[in-house]
Amino acid sequence: MAMQLDFFTEKTDIDFLKEEVSIVRQSSDKVRKSLFARHNELCKMYMELHERMEIIEKNICIGVK
């Protein structure tokens, strides 16, 4: 018995929802990675400013004595 296969299957609502969830997941992963990268960058800037502030305070205290 010969059977004809459909090459054009219709997408169901579940298929559309799965695609949408996948797109949202990829987008949220990109945002999460971006936030971590920005946080690390800000942390480095903060540490640099903190070190510079300590040097400035140390030199001010030496100058007062």
C-alpha atoms as a PDB file:
ATOM      1  CA  MET A   1       0.000   0.000   0.000  1.00  0.00           C
ATOM      2  CA  ALA A   2       1.498   3.331  -1.091  1.00  0.00           C
ATOM      3  CA  MET A   3       1.319   6.290   1.246  1.00  0.00           C
ATOM      4  CA  GLN A   4       1.629   9.926   0.341  1.00  0.00           C
ATOM      5  CA  LEU A   5       3.504  12.080   2.816  1.00  0.00           C
ATOM      6  CA  ASP A   6       2.745  15.734   3.431  1.00  0.00           C
ATOM      7  CA  PHE A   7       5.709  17.976   2.826  1.00  0.00           C
ATOM      8  CA  PHE A   8       3.818  21.035   3.928  1.00  0.00           C
ATOM      9  CA  THR A   9       2.761  20.502   7.482  1.00  0.00           C
ATOM     10  CA  GLU A  10       0.730  23.169   9.144  1.00  0.00           C
ATOM     11  CA  LYS A  11       2.100  24.706  12.274  1.00  0.00           C
ATOM     12  CA  THR A  12      -0.069  24.415  15.315  1.00  0.00           C
ATOM     13  CA  ASP A  13      -0.488  26.973  18.059  1.00  0.00           C
ATOM     14  CA  ILE A  14       1.892  24.926  20.188  1.00  0.00           C
ATOM     15  CA  ASP A  15       4.585  25.192  17.515  1.00  0.00           C
ATOM     16  CA  PHE A  16       4.165  28.966  17.351  1.00  0.00           C
ATOM     17  CA  LEU A  17       4.352  29.198  21.141  1.00  0.00           C
ATOM     18  CA  LYS A  18       7.492  27.054  21.237  1.00  0.00           C
ATOM     19  CA  GLU A  19       9.156  29.325  18.685  1.00  0.00           C
ATOM     20  CA  GLU A  20       8.112  32.414  20.638  1.00  0.00           C
ATOM     21  CA  VAL A  21       9.465  30.965  23.893  1.00  0.00           C
ATOM     22  CA  SER A  22      12.729  30.140  22.166  1.00  0.00           C
ATOM     23  CA  ILE A  23      13.043  33.698  20.855  1.00  0.00           C
ATOM     24  CA  VAL A  24      12.291  35.160  24.288  1.00  0.00           C
ATOM     25  CA  ARG A  25      14.811  32.803  25.935  1.00  0.00           C
ATOM     26  CA  GLN A  26      17.550  33.839  23.488  1.00  0.00           C
ATOM     27  CA  SER A  27      16.763  37.497  24.028  1.00  0.00           C
ATOM     28  CA  SER A  28      16.803  37.195  27.814  1.00  0.00           C
ATOM     29  CA  ASP A  29      20.123  35.316  27.666  1.00  0.00           C
ATOM     30  CA  LYS A  30      21.640  38.161  25.658  1.00  0.00           C
ATOM     31  CA  VAL A  31      20.333  40.734  28.146  1.00  0.00           C
ATOM     32  CA  ARG A  32      21.641  38.691  31.104  1.00  0.00           C
ATOM     33  CA  LYS A  33      25.098  38.376  29.540  1.00  0.00           C
ATOM     34  CA  SER A  34      25.113  42.081  28.743  1.00  0.00           C
ATOM     35  CA  LEU A  35      24.205  42.973  32.325  1.00  0.00           C
ATOM     36  CA  PHE A  36      26.971  40.786  33.737  1.00  0.00           C
ATOM     37  CA  ALA A  37      29.493  42.340  31.364  1.00  0.00           C
ATOM     38  CA  ARG A  38      28.388  45.853  32.327  1.00  0.00           C
ATOM     39  CA  HIS A  39      28.487  44.953  36.020  1.00  0.00           C
ATOM     40  CA  ASN A  40      32.078  43.712  35.685  1.00  0.00           C
ATOM     41  CA  GLU A  41      33.044  46.874  33.830  1.00  0.00           C
ATOM     42  CA  LEU A  42      31.494  49.081  36.525  1.00  0.00           C
ATOM     43  CA  CYS A  43      33.154  47.013  39.240  1.00  0.00           C
ATOM     44  CA  LYS A  44      36.570  47.574  37.666  1.00  0.00           C
ATOM     45  CA  MET A  45      35.886  51.314  37.389  1.00  0.00           C
ATOM     46  CA  TYR A  46      34.795  51.436  41.033  1.00  0.00           C
ATOM     47  CA  MET A  47      37.931  49.612  42.196  1.00  0.00           C
ATOM     48  CA  GLU A  48      40.121  51.977  40.191  1.00  0.00           C
ATOM     49  CA  LEU A  49      38.395  55.031  41.660  1.00  0.00           C
ATOM     50  CA  HIS A  50      38.604  53.548  45.155  1.00  0.00           C
ATOM     51  CA  GLU A  51      42.354  53.016  44.807  1.00  0.00           C
ATOM     52  CA  ARG A  52      42.828  56.545  43.467  1.00  0.00           C
ATOM     53  CA  MET A  53      40.787  57.960  46.356  1.00  0.00           C
ATOM     54  CA  GLU A  54      42.939  56.093  48.887  1.00  0.00           C
ATOM     55  CA  ILE A  55      46.089  57.517  47.299  1.00  0.00           C
ATOM     56  CA  ILE A  56      44.655  61.033  47.367  1.00  0.00           C
ATOM     57  CA  GLU A  57      43.574  60.699  51.022  1.00  0.00           C
ATOM     58  CA  LYS A  58      46.959  59.255  51.953  1.00  0.00           C
ATOM     59  CA  ASN A  59      48.776  62.177  50.310  1.00  0.00           C
ATOM     60  CA  ILE A  60      46.451  64.715  51.947  1.00  0.00           C
ATOM     61  CA  CYS A  61      47.130  63.194  55.367  1.00  0.00           C
ATOM     62  CA  ILE A  62      50.900  63.236  54.758  1.00  0.00           C
ATOM     63  CA  GLY A  63      50.704  66.895  53.718  1.00  0.00           C
ATOM     64  CA  VAL A  64      48.772  67.904  56.872  1.00  0.00           C
ATOM     65  CA  LYS A  65      51.417  66.530  59.267  1.00  0.00           C
END
